[in-house]
N, C-alpha and C. Protein backbone atom coordinates (compact mmCIF):
# COMPACT_ATOMS: atom_id res chain seq x y z
N MET A 1 135.32 8.24 55.55
CA MET A 1 135.99 8.24 56.42
C MET A 1 137.19 8.60 56.59
N ASN A 2 137.25 9.57 57.19
CA ASN A 2 138.93 9.71 56.89
C ASN A 2 140.03 9.20 57.97
N ARG A 3 141.24 9.88 57.39
CA ARG A 3 142.36 9.19 58.00
C ARG A 3 142.43 9.39 59.46
N GLU A 4 141.55 10.16 60.11
CA GLU A 4 141.80 9.95 61.85
C GLU A 4 141.05 9.18 61.67
N SER A 5 139.94 9.04 61.61
CA SER A 5 139.04 8.08 62.15
C SER A 5 139.66 6.90 61.51
N MET A 6 140.44 6.35 60.98
CA MET A 6 140.91 5.47 60.62
C MET A 6 141.61 4.71 61.70
N VAL A 7 142.52 6.08 61.41
CA VAL A 7 143.84 5.78 62.89
C VAL A 7 143.03 5.37 64.34
N ASP A 8 142.48 6.18 64.87
CA ASP A 8 141.66 5.62 65.96
C ASP A 8 141.06 4.62 65.89
N GLN A 9 140.13 3.86 65.37
CA GLN A 9 139.51 2.87 65.11
C GLN A 9 140.91 1.90 65.16
N LEU A 10 141.43 1.82 64.29
CA LEU A 10 143.19 0.67 64.34
C LEU A 10 143.63 1.05 65.56
N HIS A 11 143.59 2.04 66.59
CA HIS A 11 144.17 2.17 67.89
C HIS A 11 142.83 1.06 68.99
N ARG A 12 142.18 0.95 68.72
CA ARG A 12 140.95 0.39 69.44
C ARG A 12 140.88 -1.43 69.08
N GLY A 13 141.35 -1.50 68.11
CA GLY A 13 141.12 -3.12 67.50
C GLY A 13 141.43 -3.04 66.47
N ILE A 14 140.68 -4.44 65.49
CA ILE A 14 141.39 -5.07 64.43
C ILE A 14 140.73 -4.75 63.66
N CYS A 15 141.11 -4.31 62.84
CA CYS A 15 140.15 -3.78 61.28
C CYS A 15 140.21 -4.26 60.26
N THR A 16 139.06 -4.55 59.23
CA THR A 16 139.10 -5.06 58.11
C THR A 16 138.98 -3.39 57.26
N VAL A 17 140.27 -4.22 56.68
CA VAL A 17 140.47 -2.75 55.75
C VAL A 17 140.24 -3.41 54.07
N VAL A 18 139.09 -3.10 53.21
CA VAL A 18 139.19 -3.52 51.43
C VAL A 18 139.66 -2.18 50.52
N PHE A 19 140.74 -2.15 50.35
CA PHE A 19 141.26 -1.55 49.49
C PHE A 19 141.62 -1.89 48.05
N GLU A 20 142.32 -1.08 46.83
CA GLU A 20 143.10 -1.02 46.04
C GLU A 20 144.17 -1.22 45.50
N LYS A 21 144.67 -2.13 45.00
CA LYS A 21 146.22 -1.62 45.48
C LYS A 21 147.25 -0.90 44.03
N LYS A 22 148.11 -0.73 43.71
CA LYS A 22 148.57 -0.19 42.39
C LYS A 22 148.61 -0.28 41.56
N ASP A 23 148.62 -1.59 41.39
CA ASP A 23 148.38 -2.49 40.47
C ASP A 23 146.69 -3.20 40.12
N GLY A 24 146.00 -2.35 41.26
CA GLY A 24 144.77 -2.07 40.26
C GLY A 24 143.71 -3.64 41.00
N SER A 25 144.27 -4.74 41.78
CA SER A 25 143.61 -5.66 42.22
C SER A 25 143.25 -4.96 43.39
N MET A 26 142.48 -5.54 43.79
CA MET A 26 141.73 -5.57 45.21
C MET A 26 142.06 -6.58 46.68
N ARG A 27 142.56 -5.77 47.34
CA ARG A 27 143.16 -6.81 48.92
C ARG A 27 142.01 -6.23 49.79
N GLU A 28 142.04 -7.35 50.46
CA GLU A 28 140.96 -7.18 51.90
C GLU A 28 142.15 -7.44 53.19
N MET A 29 142.85 -6.68 54.18
CA MET A 29 143.81 -7.01 55.39
C MET A 29 143.25 -6.51 56.53
N HIS A 30 143.44 -7.34 57.58
CA HIS A 30 143.02 -7.39 58.58
C HIS A 30 144.14 -7.11 59.58
N CYS A 31 143.95 -5.63 59.94
CA CYS A 31 145.11 -5.15 60.73
C CYS A 31 144.60 -4.56 61.95
N THR A 32 145.93 -3.51 62.78
CA THR A 32 145.48 -2.92 63.83
C THR A 32 146.72 -2.14 64.10
N LEU A 33 146.50 -1.09 64.73
CA LEU A 33 148.01 -0.74 66.05
C LEU A 33 147.74 -0.70 67.38
N HIS A 34 146.77 -1.61 67.48
CA HIS A 34 146.37 -1.80 68.91
C HIS A 34 147.69 -2.64 69.76
N PRO A 35 148.56 -1.38 70.90
CA PRO A 35 149.59 -1.97 71.29
C PRO A 35 149.55 -3.48 72.04
N ASP A 36 148.76 -3.84 72.46
CA ASP A 36 148.50 -5.25 72.46
C ASP A 36 148.41 -6.29 71.74
N ARG A 37 148.34 -5.53 70.31
CA ARG A 37 148.50 -6.63 68.81
C ARG A 37 150.17 -6.63 68.62
N LEU A 38 150.92 -5.37 68.88
CA LEU A 38 152.08 -5.27 67.71
C LEU A 38 153.27 -6.33 68.33
N PRO A 39 154.14 -6.25 67.69
CA PRO A 39 155.16 -7.34 67.83
C PRO A 39 155.82 -6.61 69.41
N GLU A 40 156.55 -7.10 69.94
CA GLU A 40 157.30 -6.02 71.43
C GLU A 40 158.11 -5.67 70.67
N ARG A 41 158.52 -5.64 70.01
CA ARG A 41 159.98 -4.77 69.71
C ARG A 41 159.72 -3.46 68.84
N GLN A 42 158.27 -3.39 68.42
CA GLN A 42 157.69 -2.25 67.51
C GLN A 42 156.79 -1.27 68.26
N GLN A 43 156.85 -1.54 69.28
CA GLN A 43 155.57 -0.70 70.16
C GLN A 43 155.63 0.72 68.85
N LEU A 44 154.34 1.40 69.34
CA LEU A 44 153.63 2.44 68.79
C LEU A 44 155.06 4.08 69.27
N THR A 45 155.81 3.71 70.42
CA THR A 45 156.29 4.82 71.17
C THR A 45 157.62 4.60 70.02
N GLU A 46 158.24 4.22 69.33
CA GLU A 46 159.62 3.60 68.54
C GLU A 46 159.01 5.11 67.79
N VAL A 47 160.47 5.48 67.44
CA VAL A 47 160.37 6.91 66.99
C VAL A 47 160.70 6.00 64.89
N SER A 48 160.04 6.63 64.29
CA SER A 48 160.05 6.66 62.84
C SER A 48 160.87 7.30 62.17
N PRO A 49 161.91 7.01 61.64
CA PRO A 49 163.29 7.37 60.70
C PRO A 49 162.23 8.54 59.68
N THR A 50 161.11 8.18 59.26
CA THR A 50 160.70 9.26 58.10
C THR A 50 159.55 9.35 58.40
N PRO A 51 159.10 10.80 58.05
CA PRO A 51 157.70 11.55 58.80
C PRO A 51 156.73 10.50 58.21
N PRO A 52 155.32 10.54 59.15
CA PRO A 52 154.95 9.60 58.30
C PRO A 52 153.92 10.23 57.10
N ASN A 53 153.31 9.95 55.83
CA ASN A 53 152.87 9.75 54.56
C ASN A 53 151.46 10.96 55.44
N PRO A 54 150.63 11.82 55.00
CA PRO A 54 149.50 11.70 55.62
C PRO A 54 148.38 11.41 54.74
N ASP A 55 148.63 10.71 53.65
CA ASP A 55 148.32 9.72 52.28
C ASP A 55 147.73 8.62 52.31
N THR A 56 149.13 7.88 53.56
CA THR A 56 149.09 6.83 53.82
C THR A 56 148.88 5.87 55.19
N VAL A 57 147.96 4.57 55.22
CA VAL A 57 147.99 4.51 57.15
C VAL A 57 148.85 3.22 56.97
N ARG A 58 149.78 3.37 57.56
CA ARG A 58 150.70 2.34 57.92
C ARG A 58 150.57 1.01 59.03
N VAL A 59 149.80 0.04 59.39
CA VAL A 59 149.79 -0.64 60.22
C VAL A 59 150.29 -2.21 59.95
N PHE A 60 149.96 -3.10 61.09
CA PHE A 60 150.08 -4.17 61.34
C PHE A 60 149.50 -5.34 61.01
N ASP A 61 149.08 -5.85 59.67
CA ASP A 61 148.64 -6.93 59.31
C ASP A 61 148.39 -8.19 60.60
N THR A 62 147.42 -8.06 60.76
CA THR A 62 147.50 -9.52 61.86
C THR A 62 147.55 -11.08 60.98
N ASP A 63 146.92 -11.11 59.70
CA ASP A 63 147.59 -12.29 59.39
C ASP A 63 148.49 -12.46 58.77
N LEU A 64 149.59 -11.53 58.50
CA LEU A 64 150.82 -12.06 57.96
C LEU A 64 151.75 -11.56 59.09
N GLN A 65 151.22 -11.02 60.48
CA GLN A 65 152.24 -10.69 60.89
C GLN A 65 153.41 -9.89 60.53
N GLU A 66 153.15 -8.79 60.11
CA GLU A 66 154.06 -7.53 59.20
C GLU A 66 153.41 -6.52 58.96
N TRP A 67 154.59 -5.49 58.90
CA TRP A 67 153.87 -4.34 59.23
C TRP A 67 153.55 -3.74 57.42
N ARG A 68 152.35 -3.47 56.75
CA ARG A 68 151.95 -3.08 55.45
C ARG A 68 151.44 -1.67 55.79
N SER A 69 151.07 -1.21 54.65
CA SER A 69 150.77 0.07 54.40
C SER A 69 149.44 0.52 53.49
N PHE A 70 148.23 1.52 53.82
CA PHE A 70 147.01 1.26 52.46
C PHE A 70 147.19 3.42 51.74
N ARG A 71 147.20 3.42 51.11
CA ARG A 71 146.57 4.89 50.75
C ARG A 71 145.04 5.16 51.11
N VAL A 72 144.76 6.27 51.66
CA VAL A 72 143.56 6.81 52.60
C VAL A 72 142.69 6.91 51.43
N ASP A 73 143.23 7.19 50.49
CA ASP A 73 142.30 7.27 49.12
C ASP A 73 141.47 6.23 48.47
N SER A 74 141.81 4.82 48.45
CA SER A 74 141.97 4.17 47.89
C SER A 74 140.71 2.79 48.63
N VAL A 75 140.93 3.53 49.87
CA VAL A 75 140.06 2.70 50.60
C VAL A 75 138.71 1.97 49.92
N ASN A 76 137.83 1.08 49.79
CA ASN A 76 136.77 0.78 49.39
C ASN A 76 135.75 0.38 50.92
N LYS A 77 136.20 -0.50 51.91
CA LYS A 77 135.27 -0.83 52.81
C LYS A 77 136.33 -0.25 53.78
N PHE A 78 136.31 0.15 55.30
CA PHE A 78 136.32 0.24 56.33
C PHE A 78 135.87 0.02 57.47
N SER A 79 136.51 -1.34 58.20
CA SER A 79 134.98 -2.10 59.81
C SER A 79 135.76 -2.31 60.55
N THR A 80 135.34 -2.53 62.00
CA THR A 80 136.16 -2.51 63.05
C THR A 80 135.20 -3.58 63.52
N PRO A 81 134.94 -5.09 63.37
CA PRO A 81 134.42 -6.11 63.62
C PRO A 81 134.90 -6.52 65.27
N GLN A 82 135.83 -6.31 65.90
CA GLN A 82 136.76 -6.79 66.49
C GLN A 82 137.21 -5.82 67.78
N LEU A 83 136.74 -5.81 68.69
CA LEU A 83 136.72 -3.87 69.27
C LEU A 83 137.95 -5.01 70.14
N LEU A 84 138.74 -4.06 70.75
CA LEU A 84 139.62 -4.73 71.65
C LEU A 84 139.27 -4.28 73.09
N ILE A 85 139.27 -2.75 73.29
CA ILE A 85 138.95 -2.13 74.11
C ILE A 85 137.05 -1.82 74.64
C-alpha cells in the first residue's frame, strides 16, 4: 500500500498499523486522521511548521492519545477494522 492510500484510509477511520521501529522492534499502533477523533485544538486544518516528509505519515495514536509517525517503507501490515464514515 502506498502513502496516499494509507492517508486516505486514515481519514476514514481508525487503522491498525504494524511497523518496524528504528531500533528494529515491531510495533502495532491504532491510529487515525479522522477529524472527529483528533484533539479539538489540533484539527487537520492547522498549518504545520515544517513541510510533510513524503517518507513518513504523521498520525494520532488513539491508544496513547498522542501524535506519532511511522515510515511508509517500514509498514508490515495496514488494516482498517473500524470505519467511521
